[in-house]
Amino acid sequence: MNNVDLGVRLTLFTRNACPLCDHMAFALELMRPRYDFQYEKVDVDSDPKLANRYGLRVPVLVDEETEICSGHYDPNTIEAYLAAGRT
């Protein structure tokens, strides 16, 4: 198996029935052709520690321990972060 660089790997913390979460996930999909990143959606209600940490702030987009944005989709902040390449 080849070791392929997948670029930036983000985590999007969400919860069910969250229109803001759905909007951010959709917007991230639209950004993927322009930037080299992958993301994983994680439901904060699946883990009490995550629910306690993120609570009502979802959606929260993070790269490892770096919080990129929370509460709503912020295109300028996300695009600036991705354009910088996190390297």
C-alpha atoms as a PDB file:
ATOM      1  CA  MET A   1       0.000   0.000   0.000  1.00  0.00           C
ATOM      2  CA  ASN A   2       1.360   3.425  -0.958  1.00  0.00           C
ATOM      3  CA  ASN A   3       1.849   6.169   1.589  1.00  0.00           C
ATOM      4  CA  VAL A   4      -0.257   8.939   0.027  1.00  0.00           C
ATOM      5  CA  ASP A   5      -0.330  12.428   1.530  1.00  0.00           C
ATOM      6  CA  LEU A   6      -3.970  13.280   2.018  1.00  0.00           C
ATOM      7  CA  GLY A   7      -3.298  16.918   2.807  1.00  0.00           C
ATOM      8  CA  VAL A   8      -5.003  18.500   5.778  1.00  0.00           C
ATOM      9  CA  ARG A   9      -7.278  16.210   7.793  1.00  0.00           C
ATOM     10  CA  LEU A  10     -10.023  18.107   9.595  1.00  0.00           C
ATOM     11  CA  THR A  11     -12.709  17.063  12.041  1.00  0.00           C
ATOM     12  CA  LEU A  12     -16.165  18.594  11.943  1.00  0.00           C
ATOM     13  CA  PHE A  13     -17.980  18.176  15.253  1.00  0.00           C
ATOM     14  CA  THR A  14     -21.732  18.140  14.656  1.00  0.00           C
ATOM     15  CA  ARG A  15     -24.992  16.838  16.051  1.00  0.00           C
ATOM     16  CA  ASN A  16     -28.132  15.443  14.454  1.00  0.00           C
ATOM     17  CA  ALA A  17     -30.829  17.852  13.301  1.00  0.00           C
ATOM     18  CA  CYS A  18     -28.423  20.800  13.254  1.00  0.00           C
ATOM     19  CA  PRO A  19     -28.974  23.025  10.196  1.00  0.00           C
ATOM     20  CA  LEU A  20     -25.765  24.972  10.888  1.00  0.00           C
ATOM     21  CA  CYS A  21     -23.823  21.693  10.936  1.00  0.00           C
ATOM     22  CA  ASP A  22     -25.406  20.601   7.660  1.00  0.00           C
ATOM     23  CA  HIS A  23     -24.571  23.969   6.097  1.00  0.00           C
ATOM     24  CA  MET A  24     -20.910  23.749   7.121  1.00  0.00           C
ATOM     25  CA  ALA A  25     -20.593  20.176   5.825  1.00  0.00           C
ATOM     26  CA  PHE A  26     -22.131  21.213   2.492  1.00  0.00           C
ATOM     27  CA  ALA A  27     -19.845  24.248   2.246  1.00  0.00           C
ATOM     28  CA  LEU A  28     -16.787  22.101   2.990  1.00  0.00           C
ATOM     29  CA  GLU A  29     -17.773  19.761   0.166  1.00  0.00           C
ATOM     30  CA  LEU A  30     -17.903  22.735  -2.198  1.00  0.00           C
ATOM     31  CA  MET A  31     -14.419  23.837  -1.071  1.00  0.00           C
ATOM     32  CA  ARG A  32     -12.777  20.436  -1.552  1.00  0.00           C
ATOM     33  CA  PRO A  33     -11.983  20.862  -5.267  1.00  0.00           C
ATOM     34  CA  ARG A  34      -9.941  23.994  -4.485  1.00  0.00           C
ATOM     35  CA  TYR A  35      -8.040  22.796  -1.421  1.00  0.00           C
ATOM     36  CA  ASP A  36      -6.235  19.604  -0.445  1.00  0.00           C
ATOM     37  CA  PHE A  37      -8.157  18.434   2.617  1.00  0.00           C
ATOM     38  CA  GLN A  38     -10.276  15.643   3.987  1.00  0.00           C
ATOM     39  CA  TYR A  39     -12.704  15.863   6.858  1.00  0.00           C
ATOM     40  CA  GLU A  40     -14.528  13.534   9.168  1.00  0.00           C
ATOM     41  CA  LYS A  41     -17.872  14.318  10.787  1.00  0.00           C
ATOM     42  CA  VAL A  42     -18.178  13.363  14.460  1.00  0.00           C
ATOM     43  CA  ASP A  43     -21.489  13.540  16.328  1.00  0.00           C
ATOM     44  CA  VAL A  44     -20.775  15.167  19.707  1.00  0.00           C
ATOM     45  CA  ASP A  45     -23.767  13.376  21.225  1.00  0.00           C
ATOM     46  CA  SER A  46     -22.012  10.038  20.649  1.00  0.00           C
ATOM     47  CA  ASP A  47     -19.583  10.789  23.487  1.00  0.00           C
ATOM     48  CA  PRO A  48     -20.428  12.596  26.749  1.00  0.00           C
ATOM     49  CA  LYS A  49     -16.954  14.186  26.847  1.00  0.00           C
ATOM     50  CA  LEU A  50     -17.439  15.665  23.368  1.00  0.00           C
ATOM     51  CA  ALA A  51     -20.954  16.843  24.244  1.00  0.00           C
ATOM     52  CA  ASN A  52     -19.562  18.529  27.348  1.00  0.00           C
ATOM     53  CA  ARG A  53     -16.635  20.079  25.463  1.00  0.00           C
ATOM     54  CA  TYR A  54     -18.528  21.414  22.440  1.00  0.00           C
ATOM     55  CA  GLY A  55     -22.084  21.643  23.763  1.00  0.00           C
ATOM     56  CA  LEU A  56     -24.140  24.160  21.836  1.00  0.00           C
ATOM     57  CA  ARG A  57     -21.129  25.561  19.961  1.00  0.00           C
ATOM     58  CA  VAL A  58     -21.504  23.056  17.101  1.00  0.00           C
ATOM     59  CA  PRO A  59     -20.568  23.007  14.349  1.00  0.00           C
ATOM     60  CA  VAL A  60     -16.914  23.127  15.347  1.00  0.00           C
ATOM     61  CA  LEU A  61     -14.199  22.612  12.731  1.00  0.00           C
ATOM     62  CA  VAL A  62     -10.778  21.561  14.021  1.00  0.00           C
ATOM     63  CA  ASP A  63      -7.425  20.446  12.712  1.00  0.00           C
ATOM     64  CA  GLU A  64      -5.967  18.218  15.415  1.00  0.00           C
ATOM     65  CA  GLU A  65      -6.036  20.578  18.434  1.00  0.00           C
ATOM     66  CA  THR A  66      -6.442  23.810  16.423  1.00  0.00           C
ATOM     67  CA  GLU A  67      -9.992  25.133  16.390  1.00  0.00           C
ATOM     68  CA  ILE A  68     -10.618  26.806  13.041  1.00  0.00           C
ATOM     69  CA  CYS A  69     -14.171  28.031  13.578  1.00  0.00           C
ATOM     70  CA  SER A  70     -17.290  27.266  15.574  1.00  0.00           C
ATOM     71  CA  GLY A  71     -20.967  28.078  15.725  1.00  0.00           C
ATOM     72  CA  HIS A  72     -21.368  28.805  12.039  1.00  0.00           C
ATOM     73  CA  TYR A  73     -19.633  28.500   8.685  1.00  0.00           C
ATOM     74  CA  ASP A  74     -16.979  31.211   8.394  1.00  0.00           C
ATOM     75  CA  PRO A  75     -15.712  31.004   4.801  1.00  0.00           C
ATOM     76  CA  ASN A  76     -12.971  33.622   5.171  1.00  0.00           C
ATOM     77  CA  THR A  77     -11.401  31.940   8.187  1.00  0.00           C
ATOM     78  CA  ILE A  78     -11.636  28.435   6.738  1.00  0.00           C
ATOM     79  CA  GLU A  79     -10.270  29.429   3.332  1.00  0.00           C
ATOM     80  CA  ALA A  80      -7.404  31.400   4.895  1.00  0.00           C
ATOM     81  CA  TYR A  81      -6.508  28.386   7.024  1.00  0.00           C
ATOM     82  CA  LEU A  82      -6.617  25.970   4.091  1.00  0.00           C
ATOM     83  CA  ALA A  83      -4.754  28.338   1.774  1.00  0.00           C
ATOM     84  CA  ALA A  84      -1.939  28.597   4.321  1.00  0.00           C
ATOM     85  CA  GLY A  85      -1.545  24.840   3.957  1.00  0.00           C
ATOM     86  CA  ARG A  86      -0.984  24.279   7.677  1.00  0.00           C
ATOM     87  CA  THR A  87       2.654  23.441   7.023  1.00  0.00           C
END
